[in-house]
Amino acid sequence: MAAKKKDGKRANGAVAKETARYVPCRVEPGMFRGEYLVSMEALDSQNPNRKIPIQLWADEQEVRIQSGSPERGHPAEGLLRVEVMGRRKGQALIVLPQPAQPVGERAYVDEQLLQEVKM
């Protein structure tokens, strides 16, 4: 087993099990094979009571399709793999697998959205 570094990743680049979680999202085909366009809601960092839509491109290995078949204009329901950096007051700070518009690499979500998925 590889040693864990401070950022929650193992020396071989894998995310540590205790910080990896999934959040609900909507999934459409991406621009390239093996890629998805992922849409979800995050909490506004300036006003945590307000939700904002975010989008990112994600490798198909970072997404689990829950229902439906992803088609352009008709997204499927899915789960996006994220890393949890911290939790407080019902919110979780997550690191996304790729930068998202308009939030960048990190976003706040409702803590109750976090799911643990068995491999």
PDB file of N, CA and C in Angstrom:
ATOM      1  N   MET A   1       0.847  -1.183   0.000  1.00  0.00           N
ATOM      2  CA  MET A   1       0.000   0.000   0.000  1.00  0.00           C
ATOM      3  C   MET A   1       0.887   1.238   0.000  1.00  0.00           C
ATOM      4  N   ALA A   2       0.597   2.173  -0.846  1.00  0.00           N
ATOM      5  CA  ALA A   2       1.415   3.379  -0.982  1.00  0.00           C
ATOM      6  C   ALA A   2       1.179   4.320   0.193  1.00  0.00           C
ATOM      7  N   ALA A   3       2.199   5.054   0.560  1.00  0.00           N
ATOM      8  CA  ALA A   3       2.091   6.013   1.666  1.00  0.00           C
ATOM      9  C   ALA A   3       1.237   7.203   1.256  1.00  0.00           C
ATOM     10  N   LYS A   4       0.476   7.727   2.227  1.00  0.00           N
ATOM     11  CA  LYS A   4      -0.391   8.870   1.944  1.00  0.00           C
ATOM     12  C   LYS A   4       0.378  10.170   2.182  1.00  0.00           C
ATOM     13  N   LYS A   5       0.201  11.123   1.262  1.00  0.00           N
ATOM     14  CA  LYS A   5       0.804  12.431   1.391  1.00  0.00           C
ATOM     15  C   LYS A   5      -0.191  13.385   2.046  1.00  0.00           C
ATOM     16  N   LYS A   6       0.240  14.588   2.385  1.00  0.00           N
ATOM     17  CA  LYS A   6      -0.615  15.566   3.057  1.00  0.00           C
ATOM     18  C   LYS A   6      -1.841  15.964   2.254  1.00  0.00           C
ATOM     19  N   ASP A   7      -1.770  15.943   0.921  1.00  0.00           N
ATOM     20  CA  ASP A   7      -2.896  16.390   0.103  1.00  0.00           C
ATOM     21  C   ASP A   7      -3.986  15.329  -0.051  1.00  0.00           C
ATOM     22  N   GLY A   8      -3.856  14.197   0.661  1.00  0.00           N
ATOM     23  CA  GLY A   8      -4.870  13.160   0.601  1.00  0.00           C
ATOM     24  C   GLY A   8      -4.625  12.142  -0.500  1.00  0.00           C
ATOM     25  N   LYS A   9      -3.602  12.373  -1.312  1.00  0.00           N
ATOM     26  CA  LYS A   9      -3.297  11.433  -2.384  1.00  0.00           C
ATOM     27  C   LYS A   9      -2.190  10.501  -1.922  1.00  0.00           C
ATOM     28  N   ARG A  10      -2.199   9.341  -2.467  1.00  0.00           N
ATOM     29  CA  ARG A  10      -1.145   8.376  -2.172  1.00  0.00           C
ATOM     30  C   ARG A  10       0.059   8.713  -3.058  1.00  0.00           C
ATOM     31  N   ALA A  11       1.211   8.157  -2.702  1.00  0.00           N
ATOM     32  CA  ALA A  11       2.431   8.434  -3.445  1.00  0.00           C
ATOM     33  C   ALA A  11       2.285   8.068  -4.922  1.00  0.00           C
ATOM     34  N   ASN A  12       1.422   7.096  -5.245  1.00  0.00           N
ATOM     35  CA  ASN A  12       1.251   6.693  -6.637  1.00  0.00           C
ATOM     36  C   ASN A  12       0.214   7.541  -7.361  1.00  0.00           C
ATOM     37  N   GLY A  13      -0.360   8.567  -6.704  1.00  0.00           N
ATOM     38  CA  GLY A  13      -1.304   9.473  -7.341  1.00  0.00           C
ATOM     39  C   GLY A  13      -2.760   9.143  -7.076  1.00  0.00           C
ATOM     40  N   ALA A  14      -3.044   7.984  -6.497  1.00  0.00           N
ATOM     41  CA  ALA A  14      -4.434   7.606  -6.207  1.00  0.00           C
ATOM     42  C   ALA A  14      -4.965   8.403  -5.027  1.00  0.00           C
ATOM     43  N   VAL A  15      -6.253   8.715  -5.045  1.00  0.00           N
ATOM     44  CA  VAL A  15      -6.873   9.446  -3.943  1.00  0.00           C
ATOM     45  C   VAL A  15      -7.104   8.483  -2.792  1.00  0.00           C
ATOM     46  N   ALA A  16      -6.823   8.915  -1.583  1.00  0.00           N
ATOM     47  CA  ALA A  16      -7.040   8.091  -0.404  1.00  0.00           C
ATOM     48  C   ALA A  16      -8.520   7.771  -0.253  1.00  0.00           C
ATOM     49  N   LYS A  17      -8.842   6.532   0.146  1.00  0.00           N
ATOM     50  CA  LYS A  17     -10.233   6.092   0.254  1.00  0.00           C
ATOM     51  C   LYS A  17     -11.078   6.970   1.159  1.00  0.00           C
ATOM     52  N   GLU A  18     -10.526   7.402   2.276  1.00  0.00           N
ATOM     53  CA  GLU A  18     -11.327   8.137   3.252  1.00  0.00           C
ATOM     54  C   GLU A  18     -11.739   9.523   2.778  1.00  0.00           C
ATOM     55  N   THR A  19     -11.129  10.055   1.736  1.00  0.00           N
ATOM     56  CA  THR A  19     -11.507  11.378   1.253  1.00  0.00           C
ATOM     57  C   THR A  19     -12.254  11.334  -0.073  1.00  0.00           C
ATOM     58  N   ALA A  20     -12.261  10.201  -0.761  1.00  0.00           N
ATOM     59  CA  ALA A  20     -12.949  10.094  -2.045  1.00  0.00           C
ATOM     60  C   ALA A  20     -14.441   9.860  -1.811  1.00  0.00           C
ATOM     61  N   ARG A  21     -15.268  10.669  -2.445  1.00  0.00           N
ATOM     62  CA  ARG A  21     -16.720  10.556  -2.347  1.00  0.00           C
ATOM     63  C   ARG A  21     -17.312  10.884  -3.717  1.00  0.00           C
ATOM     64  N   TYR A  22     -18.609  10.728  -3.840  1.00  0.00           N
ATOM     65  CA  TYR A  22     -19.324  11.024  -5.077  1.00  0.00           C
ATOM     66  C   TYR A  22     -20.427  12.032  -4.796  1.00  0.00           C
ATOM     67  N   VAL A  23     -20.675  12.912  -5.765  1.00  0.00           N
ATOM     68  CA  VAL A  23     -21.777  13.871  -5.669  1.00  0.00           C
ATOM     69  C   VAL A  23     -22.667  13.725  -6.905  1.00  0.00           C
ATOM     70  N   PRO A  24     -23.979  13.929  -6.736  1.00  0.00           N
ATOM     71  CA  PRO A  24     -24.903  13.818  -7.871  1.00  0.00           C
ATOM     72  C   PRO A  24     -24.599  14.851  -8.954  1.00  0.00           C
ATOM     73  N   CYS A  25     -24.799  14.447 -10.191  1.00  0.00           N
ATOM     74  CA  CYS A  25     -24.546  15.335 -11.320  1.00  0.00           C
ATOM     75  C   CYS A  25     -25.399  14.895 -12.512  1.00  0.00           C
ATOM     76  N   ARG A  26     -25.341  15.693 -13.564  1.00  0.00           N
ATOM     77  CA  ARG A  26     -25.972  15.365 -14.835  1.00  0.00           C
ATOM     78  C   ARG A  26     -24.848  15.210 -15.858  1.00  0.00           C
ATOM     79  N   VAL A  27     -24.975  14.217 -16.713  1.00  0.00           N
ATOM     80  CA  VAL A  27     -23.873  13.834 -17.591  1.00  0.00           C
ATOM     81  C   VAL A  27     -24.317  13.810 -19.052  1.00  0.00           C
ATOM     82  N   GLU A  28     -23.527  14.467 -19.901  1.00  0.00           N
ATOM     83  CA  GLU A  28     -23.736  14.450 -21.354  1.00  0.00           C
ATOM     84  C   GLU A  28     -22.422  14.027 -22.011  1.00  0.00           C
ATOM     85  N   PRO A  29     -22.478  13.578 -23.252  1.00  0.00           N
ATOM     86  CA  PRO A  29     -21.228  13.238 -23.946  1.00  0.00           C
ATOM     87  C   PRO A  29     -20.317  14.466 -24.038  1.00  0.00           C
ATOM     88  N   GLY A  30     -19.023  14.226 -23.976  1.00  0.00           N
ATOM     89  CA  GLY A  30     -18.051  15.306 -24.111  1.00  0.00           C
ATOM     90  C   GLY A  30     -17.656  15.527 -25.553  1.00  0.00           C
ATOM     91  N   MET A  31     -16.599  16.291 -25.730  1.00  0.00           N
ATOM     92  CA  MET A  31     -16.108  16.569 -27.076  1.00  0.00           C
ATOM     93  C   MET A  31     -15.307  15.398 -27.638  1.00  0.00           C
ATOM     94  N   PHE A  32     -14.707  14.600 -26.758  1.00  0.00           N
ATOM     95  CA  PHE A  32     -13.835  13.508 -27.173  1.00  0.00           C
ATOM     96  C   PHE A  32     -14.311  12.191 -26.580  1.00  0.00           C
ATOM     97  N   ARG A  33     -13.891  11.101 -27.173  1.00  0.00           N
ATOM     98  CA  ARG A  33     -14.210   9.772 -26.659  1.00  0.00           C
ATOM     99  C   ARG A  33     -13.635   9.639 -25.246  1.00  0.00           C
ATOM    100  N   GLY A  34     -14.411   9.058 -24.337  1.00  0.00           N
ATOM    101  CA  GLY A  34     -13.941   8.848 -22.972  1.00  0.00           C
ATOM    102  C   GLY A  34     -14.090  10.063 -22.080  1.00  0.00           C
ATOM    103  N   GLU A  35     -14.824  11.061 -22.530  1.00  0.00           N
ATOM    104  CA  GLU A  35     -14.976  12.308 -21.781  1.00  0.00           C
ATOM    105  C   GLU A  35     -16.459  12.654 -21.668  1.00  0.00           C
ATOM    106  N   TYR A  36     -16.837  13.236 -20.533  1.00  0.00           N
ATOM    107  CA  TYR A  36     -18.210  13.692 -20.319  1.00  0.00           C
ATOM    108  C   TYR A  36     -18.233  15.176 -19.982  1.00  0.00           C
ATOM    109  N   LEU A  37     -19.340  15.829 -20.327  1.00  0.00           N
ATOM    110  CA  LEU A  37     -19.636  17.165 -19.842  1.00  0.00           C
ATOM    111  C   LEU A  37     -20.506  16.961 -18.604  1.00  0.00           C
ATOM    112  N   VAL A  38     -20.034  17.410 -17.471  1.00  0.00           N
ATOM    113  CA  VAL A  38     -20.713  17.201 -16.197  1.00  0.00           C
ATOM    114  C   VAL A  38     -21.279  18.524 -15.705  1.00  0.00           C
ATOM    115  N   SER A  39     -22.546  18.511 -15.312  1.00  0.00           N
ATOM    116  CA  SER A  39     -23.213  19.692 -14.741  1.00  0.00           C
ATOM    117  C   SER A  39     -23.703  19.336 -13.349  1.00  0.00           C
ATOM    118  N   MET A  40     -23.599  20.282 -12.436  1.00  0.00           N
ATOM    119  CA  MET A  40     -24.073  20.079 -11.073  1.00  0.00           C
ATOM    120  C   MET A  40     -24.258  21.429 -10.396  1.00  0.00           C
ATOM    121  N   GLU A  41     -24.734  21.413  -9.170  1.00  0.00           N
ATOM    122  CA  GLU A  41     -24.896  22.649  -8.415  1.00  0.00           C
ATOM    123  C   GLU A  41     -23.890  22.693  -7.280  1.00  0.00           C
ATOM    124  N   ALA A  42     -23.342  23.866  -7.064  1.00  0.00           N
ATOM    125  CA  ALA A  42     -22.434  24.115  -5.948  1.00  0.00           C
ATOM    126  C   ALA A  42     -23.002  25.274  -5.139  1.00  0.00           C
ATOM    127  N   LEU A  43     -22.464  25.468  -3.957  1.00  0.00           N
ATOM    128  CA  LEU A  43     -22.876  26.594  -3.132  1.00  0.00           C
ATOM    129  C   LEU A  43     -22.038  27.810  -3.492  1.00  0.00           C
ATOM    130  N   ASP A  44     -22.673  28.952  -3.570  1.00  0.00           N
ATOM    131  CA  ASP A  44     -21.979  30.215  -3.843  1.00  0.00           C
ATOM    132  C   ASP A  44     -21.074  30.514  -2.657  1.00  0.00           C
ATOM    133  N   SER A  45     -19.792  30.705  -2.882  1.00  0.00           N
ATOM    134  CA  SER A  45     -18.848  30.961  -1.782  1.00  0.00           C
ATOM    135  C   SER A  45     -19.119  32.295  -1.083  1.00  0.00           C
ATOM    136  N   GLN A  46     -19.762  33.237  -1.783  1.00  0.00           N
ATOM    137  CA  GLN A  46     -20.088  34.538  -1.187  1.00  0.00           C
ATOM    138  C   GLN A  46     -21.416  34.511  -0.424  1.00  0.00           C
ATOM    139  N   ASN A  47     -22.311  33.602  -0.823  1.00  0.00           N
ATOM    140  CA  ASN A  47     -23.628  33.478  -0.192  1.00  0.00           C
ATOM    141  C   ASN A  47     -23.989  31.993  -0.154  1.00  0.00           C
ATOM    142  N   PRO A  48     -23.627  31.278   0.929  1.00  0.00           N
ATOM    143  CA  PRO A  48     -23.830  29.829   1.001  1.00  0.00           C
ATOM    144  C   PRO A  48     -25.287  29.380   0.920  1.00  0.00           C
ATOM    145  N   ASN A  49     -26.235  30.299   1.052  1.00  0.00           N
ATOM    146  CA  ASN A  49     -27.645  29.943   0.922  1.00  0.00           C
ATOM    147  C   ASN A  49     -28.079  29.882  -0.536  1.00  0.00           C
ATOM    148  N   ARG A  50     -27.197  30.311  -1.433  1.00  0.00           N
ATOM    149  CA  ARG A  50     -27.520  30.353  -2.870  1.00  0.00           C
ATOM    150  C   ARG A  50     -26.736  29.273  -3.609  1.00  0.00           C
ATOM    151  N   LYS A  51     -27.415  28.553  -4.488  1.00  0.00           N
ATOM    152  CA  LYS A  51     -26.753  27.538  -5.306  1.00  0.00           C
ATOM    153  C   LYS A  51     -26.458  28.108  -6.685  1.00  0.00           C
ATOM    154  N   ILE A  52     -25.320  27.683  -7.249  1.00  0.00           N
ATOM    155  CA  ILE A  52     -24.938  28.128  -8.583  1.00  0.00           C
ATOM    156  C   ILE A  52     -24.664  26.905  -9.463  1.00  0.00           C
ATOM    157  N   PRO A  53     -25.007  26.980 -10.740  1.00  0.00           N
ATOM    158  CA  PRO A  53     -24.693  25.866 -11.642  1.00  0.00           C
ATOM    159  C   PRO A  53     -23.214  25.901 -12.024  1.00  0.00           C
ATOM    160  N   ILE A  54     -22.600  24.721 -12.069  1.00  0.00           N
ATOM    161  CA  ILE A  54     -21.211  24.623 -12.524  1.00  0.00           C
ATOM    162  C   ILE A  54     -21.126  23.516 -13.569  1.00  0.00           C
ATOM    163  N   GLN A  55     -20.103  23.606 -14.436  1.00  0.00           N
ATOM    164  CA  GLN A  55     -19.862  22.609 -15.470  1.00  0.00           C
ATOM    165  C   GLN A  55     -18.376  22.321 -15.576  1.00  0.00           C
ATOM    166  N   LEU A  56     -18.067  21.079 -15.902  1.00  0.00           N
ATOM    167  CA  LEU A  56     -16.683  20.689 -16.123  1.00  0.00           C
ATOM    168  C   LEU A  56     -16.628  19.510 -17.076  1.00  0.00           C
ATOM    169  N   TRP A  57     -15.457  19.323 -17.680  1.00  0.00           N
ATOM    170  CA  TRP A  57     -15.191  18.142 -18.495  1.00  0.00           C
ATOM    171  C   TRP A  57     -14.570  17.121 -17.561  1.00  0.00           C
ATOM    172  N   ALA A  58     -15.032  15.876 -17.632  1.00  0.00           N
ATOM    173  CA  ALA A  58     -14.484  14.840 -16.755  1.00  0.00           C
ATOM    174  C   ALA A  58     -14.246  13.557 -17.542  1.00  0.00           C
ATOM    175  N   ASP A  59     -13.169  12.890 -17.217  1.00  0.00           N
ATOM    176  CA  ASP A  59     -12.862  11.601 -17.805  1.00  0.00           C
ATOM    177  C   ASP A  59     -13.949  10.609 -17.396  1.00  0.00           C
ATOM    178  N   GLU A  60     -14.303   9.694 -18.267  1.00  0.00           N
ATOM    179  CA  GLU A  60     -15.380   8.745 -17.961  1.00  0.00           C
ATOM    180  C   GLU A  60     -15.088   7.913 -16.719  1.00  0.00           C
ATOM    181  N   GLN A  61     -13.829   7.756 -16.340  1.00  0.00           N
ATOM    182  CA  GLN A  61     -13.470   7.007 -15.140  1.00  0.00           C
ATOM    183  C   GLN A  61     -13.852   7.745 -13.859  1.00  0.00           C
ATOM    184  N   GLU A  62     -14.091   9.047 -13.950  1.00  0.00           N
ATOM    185  CA  GLU A  62     -14.453   9.855 -12.788  1.00  0.00           C
ATOM    186  C   GLU A  62     -15.968   9.918 -12.575  1.00  0.00           C
ATOM    187  N   VAL A  63     -16.746   9.313 -13.487  1.00  0.00           N
ATOM    188  CA  VAL A  63     -18.205   9.431 -13.464  1.00  0.00           C
ATOM    189  C   VAL A  63     -18.843   8.047 -13.430  1.00  0.00           C
ATOM    190  N   ARG A  64     -19.912   7.932 -12.660  1.00  0.00           N
ATOM    191  CA  ARG A  64     -20.733   6.716 -12.659  1.00  0.00           C
ATOM    192  C   ARG A  64     -22.127   7.105 -13.128  1.00  0.00           C
ATOM    193  N   ILE A  65     -22.598   6.458 -14.162  1.00  0.00           N
ATOM    194  CA  ILE A  65     -23.943   6.718 -14.665  1.00  0.00           C
ATOM    195  C   ILE A  65     -24.930   5.965 -13.777  1.00  0.00           C
ATOM    196  N   GLN A  66     -25.919   6.686 -13.254  1.00  0.00           N
ATOM    197  CA  GLN A  66     -26.918   6.084 -12.370  1.00  0.00           C
ATOM    198  C   GLN A  66     -28.160   5.649 -13.147  1.00  0.00           C
ATOM    199  N   SER A  67     -28.626   6.502 -14.031  1.00  0.00           N
ATOM    200  CA  SER A  67     -29.818   6.155 -14.816  1.00  0.00           C
ATOM    201  C   SER A  67     -29.798   6.915 -16.133  1.00  0.00           C
ATOM    202  N   GLY A  68     -30.323   6.273 -17.146  1.00  0.00           N
ATOM    203  CA  GLY A  68     -30.375   6.895 -18.457  1.00  0.00           C
ATOM    204  C   GLY A  68     -29.105   6.652 -19.244  1.00  0.00           C
ATOM    205  N   SER A  69     -29.102   7.189 -20.438  1.00  0.00           N
ATOM    206  CA  SER A  69     -27.952   7.103 -21.323  1.00  0.00           C
ATOM    207  C   SER A  69     -27.589   8.527 -21.736  1.00  0.00           C
ATOM    208  N   PRO A  70     -26.362   8.972 -21.463  1.00  0.00           N
ATOM    209  CA  PRO A  70     -25.988  10.351 -21.790  1.00  0.00           C
ATOM    210  C   PRO A  70     -26.116  10.658 -23.276  1.00  0.00           C
ATOM    211  N   GLU A  71     -26.892  11.681 -23.607  1.00  0.00           N
ATOM    212  CA  GLU A  71     -27.033  12.163 -24.971  1.00  0.00           C
ATOM    213  C   GLU A  71     -26.967  13.685 -24.944  1.00  0.00           C
ATOM    214  N   ARG A  72     -26.528  14.280 -26.045  1.00  0.00           N
ATOM    215  CA  ARG A  72     -26.470  15.745 -26.114  1.00  0.00           C
ATOM    216  C   ARG A  72     -27.874  16.320 -25.940  1.00  0.00           C
ATOM    217  N   GLY A  73     -28.000  17.246 -25.010  1.00  0.00           N
ATOM    218  CA  GLY A  73     -29.281  17.876 -24.732  1.00  0.00           C
ATOM    219  C   GLY A  73     -30.204  17.056 -23.848  1.00  0.00           C
ATOM    220  N   HIS A  74     -29.830  15.821 -23.566  1.00  0.00           N
ATOM    221  CA  HIS A  74     -30.626  14.932 -22.714  1.00  0.00           C
ATOM    222  C   HIS A  74     -29.688  14.220 -21.737  1.00  0.00           C
ATOM    223  N   PRO A  75     -29.270  14.925 -20.676  1.00  0.00           N
ATOM    224  CA  PRO A  75     -28.290  14.340 -19.764  1.00  0.00           C
ATOM    225  C   PRO A  75     -28.840  13.166 -18.963  1.00  0.00           C
ATOM    226  N   ALA A  76     -27.941  12.275 -18.598  1.00  0.00           N
ATOM    227  CA  ALA A  76     -28.253  11.155 -17.717  1.00  0.00           C
ATOM    228  C   ALA A  76     -27.908  11.567 -16.284  1.00  0.00           C
ATOM    229  N   GLU A  77     -28.534  10.908 -15.325  1.00  0.00           N
ATOM    230  CA  GLU A  77     -28.202  11.149 -13.917  1.00  0.00           C
ATOM    231  C   GLU A  77     -26.948  10.348 -13.590  1.00  0.00           C
ATOM    232  N   GLY A  78     -26.022  10.977 -12.877  1.00  0.00           N
ATOM    233  CA  GLY A  78     -24.785  10.301 -12.539  1.00  0.00           C
ATOM    234  C   GLY A  78     -24.204  10.763 -11.223  1.00  0.00           C
ATOM    235  N   LEU A  79     -23.036  10.224 -10.924  1.00  0.00           N
ATOM    236  CA  LEU A  79     -22.274  10.599  -9.734  1.00  0.00           C
ATOM    237  C   LEU A  79     -20.858  10.939 -10.174  1.00  0.00           C
ATOM    238  N   LEU A  80     -20.345  12.055  -9.678  1.00  0.00           N
ATOM    239  CA  LEU A  80     -18.991  12.513  -9.989  1.00  0.00           C
ATOM    240  C   LEU A  80     -18.080  12.237  -8.800  1.00  0.00           C
ATOM    241  N   ARG A  81     -16.942  11.631  -9.060  1.00  0.00           N
ATOM    242  CA  ARG A  81     -15.964  11.350  -8.010  1.00  0.00           C
ATOM    243  C   ARG A  81     -15.222  12.633  -7.666  1.00  0.00           C
ATOM    244  N   VAL A  82     -15.186  12.950  -6.376  1.00  0.00           N
ATOM    245  CA  VAL A  82     -14.510  14.147  -5.885  1.00  0.00           C
ATOM    246  C   VAL A  82     -13.679  13.787  -4.659  1.00  0.00           C
ATOM    247  N   GLU A  83     -12.814  14.693  -4.255  1.00  0.00           N
ATOM    248  CA  GLU A  83     -12.047  14.526  -3.021  1.00  0.00           C
ATOM    249  C   GLU A  83     -12.548  15.548  -2.015  1.00  0.00           C
ATOM    250  N   VAL A  84     -12.836  15.109  -0.809  1.00  0.00           N
ATOM    251  CA  VAL A  84     -13.320  16.004   0.245  1.00  0.00           C
ATOM    252  C   VAL A  84     -12.132  16.595   0.988  1.00  0.00           C
ATOM    253  N   MET A  85     -12.053  17.931   0.983  1.00  0.00           N
ATOM    254  CA  MET A  85     -10.960  18.629   1.665  1.00  0.00           C
ATOM    255  C   MET A  85     -11.320  18.991   3.097  1.00  0.00           C
ATOM    256  N   GLY A  86     -12.600  19.232   3.351  1.00  0.00           N
ATOM    257  CA  GLY A  86     -13.017  19.601   4.699  1.00  0.00           C
ATOM    258  C   GLY A  86     -14.522  19.720   4.778  1.00  0.00           C
ATOM    259  N   ARG A  87     -15.011  19.742   6.014  1.00  0.00           N
ATOM    260  CA  ARG A  87     -16.444  19.855   6.269  1.00  0.00           C
ATOM    261  C   ARG A  87     -16.671  20.830   7.412  1.00  0.00           C
ATOM    262  N   ARG A  88     -17.766  21.616   7.274  1.00  0.00           N
ATOM    263  CA  ARG A  88     -18.140  22.495   8.379  1.00  0.00           C
ATOM    264  C   ARG A  88     -19.550  23.022   8.156  1.00  0.00           C
ATOM    265  N   LYS A  89     -20.311  23.071   9.218  1.00  0.00           N
ATOM    266  CA  LYS A  89     -21.667  23.631   9.210  1.00  0.00           C
ATOM    267  C   LYS A  89     -22.531  23.114   8.061  1.00  0.00           C
ATOM    268  N   GLY A  90     -22.488  21.809   7.818  1.00  0.00           N
ATOM    269  CA  GLY A  90     -23.323  21.224   6.783  1.00  0.00           C
ATOM    270  C   GLY A  90     -22.817  21.398   5.369  1.00  0.00           C
ATOM    271  N   GLN A  91     -21.609  21.943   5.222  1.00  0.00           N
ATOM    272  CA  GLN A  91     -21.019  22.143   3.905  1.00  0.00           C
ATOM    273  C   GLN A  91     -19.745  21.317   3.780  1.00  0.00           C
ATOM    274  N   ALA A  92     -19.435  20.919   2.559  1.00  0.00           N
ATOM    275  CA  ALA A  92     -18.196  20.197   2.295  1.00  0.00           C
ATOM    276  C   ALA A  92     -17.428  20.937   1.205  1.00  0.00           C
ATOM    277  N   LEU A  93     -16.137  21.115   1.426  1.00  0.00           N
ATOM    278  CA  LEU A  93     -15.255  21.678   0.400  1.00  0.00           C
ATOM    279  C   LEU A  93     -14.700  20.500  -0.380  1.00  0.00           C
ATOM    280  N   ILE A  94     -14.972  20.481  -1.684  1.00  0.00           N
ATOM    281  CA  ILE A  94     -14.529  19.365  -2.518  1.00  0.00           C
ATOM    282  C   ILE A  94     -13.534  19.846  -3.575  1.00  0.00           C
ATOM    283  N   VAL A  95     -12.673  18.930  -3.980  1.00  0.00           N
ATOM    284  CA  VAL A  95     -11.768  19.166  -5.101  1.00  0.00           C
ATOM    285  C   VAL A  95     -12.337  18.379  -6.272  1.00  0.00           C
ATOM    286  N   LEU A  96     -12.579  19.070  -7.363  1.00  0.00           N
ATOM    287  CA  LEU A  96     -13.144  18.467  -8.565  1.00  0.00           C
ATOM    288  C   LEU A  96     -12.036  17.800  -9.379  1.00  0.00           C
ATOM    289  N   PRO A  97     -12.385  16.784 -10.192  1.00  0.00           N
ATOM    290  CA  PRO A  97     -11.342  16.120 -10.982  1.00  0.00           C
ATOM    291  C   PRO A  97     -10.724  17.011 -12.056  1.00  0.00           C
ATOM    292  N   GLN A  98     -11.448  18.035 -12.490  1.00  0.00           N
ATOM    293  CA  GLN A  98     -10.953  19.029 -13.445  1.00  0.00           C
ATOM    294  C   GLN A  98     -11.520  20.387 -13.038  1.00  0.00           C
ATOM    295  N   PRO A  99     -10.887  21.489 -13.399  1.00  0.00           N
ATOM    296  CA  PRO A  99     -11.460  22.800 -13.088  1.00  0.00           C
ATOM    297  C   PRO A  99     -12.847  22.967 -13.712  1.00  0.00           C
ATOM    298  N   ALA A 100     -13.724  23.625 -12.984  1.00  0.00           N
ATOM    299  CA  ALA A 100     -15.104  23.845 -13.434  1.00  0.00           C
ATOM    300  C   ALA A 100     -15.357  25.330 -13.622  1.00  0.00           C
ATOM    301  N   GLN A 101     -16.310  25.628 -14.493  1.00  0.00           N
ATOM    302  CA  GLN A 101     -16.753  27.011 -14.678  1.00  0.00           C
ATOM    303  C   GLN A 101     -17.973  27.226 -13.811  1.00  0.00           C
ATOM    304  N   PRO A 102     -18.099  28.236 -13.032  1.00  0.00           N
ATOM    305  CA  PRO A 102     -17.178  29.348 -12.850  1.00  0.00           C
ATOM    306  C   PRO A 102     -16.319  29.252 -11.595  1.00  0.00           C
ATOM    307  N   VAL A 103     -16.249  28.075 -10.931  1.00  0.00           N
ATOM    308  CA  VAL A 103     -15.617  28.003  -9.607  1.00  0.00           C
ATOM    309  C   VAL A 103     -14.153  27.599  -9.587  1.00  0.00           C
ATOM    310  N   GLY A 104     -13.655  26.960 -10.621  1.00  0.00           N
ATOM    311  CA  GLY A 104     -12.269  26.510 -10.629  1.00  0.00           C
ATOM    312  C   GLY A 104     -12.141  25.076 -10.138  1.00  0.00           C
ATOM    313  N   GLU A 105     -11.067  24.794  -9.407  1.00  0.00           N
ATOM    314  CA  GLU A 105     -10.748  23.430  -8.976  1.00  0.00           C
ATOM    315  C   GLU A 105     -11.522  22.966  -7.757  1.00  0.00           C
ATOM    316  N   ARG A 106     -12.021  23.906  -6.959  1.00  0.00           N
ATOM    317  CA  ARG A 106     -12.710  23.558  -5.711  1.00  0.00           C
ATOM    318  C   ARG A 106     -14.091  24.171  -5.667  1.00  0.00           C
ATOM    319  N   ALA A 107     -14.979  23.505  -4.929  1.00  0.00           N
ATOM    320  CA  ALA A 107     -16.339  24.018  -4.776  1.00  0.00           C
ATOM    321  C   ALA A 107     -16.889  23.569  -3.433  1.00  0.00           C
ATOM    322  N   TYR A 108     -17.852  24.323  -2.930  1.00  0.00           N
ATOM    323  CA  TYR A 108     -18.589  23.925  -1.730  1.00  0.00           C
ATOM    324  C   TYR A 108     -19.900  23.295  -2.174  1.00  0.00           C
ATOM    325  N   VAL A 109     -20.284  22.196  -1.502  1.00  0.00           N
ATOM    326  CA  VAL A 109     -21.569  21.550  -1.752  1.00  0.00           C
ATOM    327  C   VAL A 109     -22.210  21.235  -0.406  1.00  0.00           C
ATOM    328  N   ASP A 110     -23.523  20.972  -0.430  1.00  0.00           N
ATOM    329  CA  ASP A 110     -24.184  20.510   0.783  1.00  0.00           C
ATOM    330  C   ASP A 110     -23.558  19.188   1.191  1.00  0.00           C
ATOM    331  N   GLU A 111     -23.169  19.074   2.453  1.00  0.00           N
ATOM    332  CA  GLU A 111     -22.505  17.870   2.944  1.00  0.00           C
ATOM    333  C   GLU A 111     -23.369  16.622   2.747  1.00  0.00           C
ATOM    334  N   GLN A 112     -24.681  16.781   2.840  1.00  0.00           N
ATOM    335  CA  GLN A 112     -25.583  15.641   2.700  1.00  0.00           C
ATOM    336  C   GLN A 112     -25.583  15.035   1.295  1.00  0.00           C
ATOM    337  N   LEU A 113     -25.043  15.741   0.304  1.00  0.00           N
ATOM    338  CA  LEU A 113     -24.966  15.205  -1.055  1.00  0.00           C
ATOM    339  C   LEU A 113     -23.858  14.191  -1.227  1.00  0.00           C
ATOM    340  N   LEU A 114     -22.872  14.198  -0.335  1.00  0.00           N
ATOM    341  CA  LEU A 114     -21.730  13.291  -0.457  1.00  0.00           C
ATOM    342  C   LEU A 114     -22.169  11.848  -0.302  1.00  0.00           C
ATOM    343  N   GLN A 115     -21.697  11.009  -1.207  1.00  0.00           N
ATOM    344  CA  GLN A 115     -22.032   9.594  -1.166  1.00  0.00           C
ATOM    345  C   GLN A 115     -20.762   8.755  -1.240  1.00  0.00           C
ATOM    346  N   GLU A 116     -20.786   7.641  -0.545  1.00  0.00           N
ATOM    347  CA  GLU A 116     -19.686   6.691  -0.636  1.00  0.00           C
ATOM    348  C   GLU A 116     -20.175   5.564  -1.515  1.00  0.00           C
ATOM    349  N   VAL A 117     -19.442   5.248  -2.558  1.00  0.00           N
ATOM    350  CA  VAL A 117     -19.834   4.212  -3.503  1.00  0.00           C
ATOM    351  C   VAL A 117     -18.834   3.083  -3.391  1.00  0.00           C
ATOM    352  N   LYS A 118     -19.339   1.886  -3.194  1.00  0.00           N
ATOM    353  CA  LYS A 118     -18.472   0.708  -3.102  1.00  0.00           C
ATOM    354  C   LYS A 118     -17.981   0.335  -4.489  1.00  0.00           C
ATOM    355  N   MET A 119     -16.725   0.052  -4.597  1.00  0.00           N
ATOM    356  CA  MET A 119     -16.121  -0.323  -5.883  1.00  0.00           C
ATOM    357  C   MET A 119     -16.471  -1.734  -6.266  1.00  0.00           C
TER     358      MET A 119
END
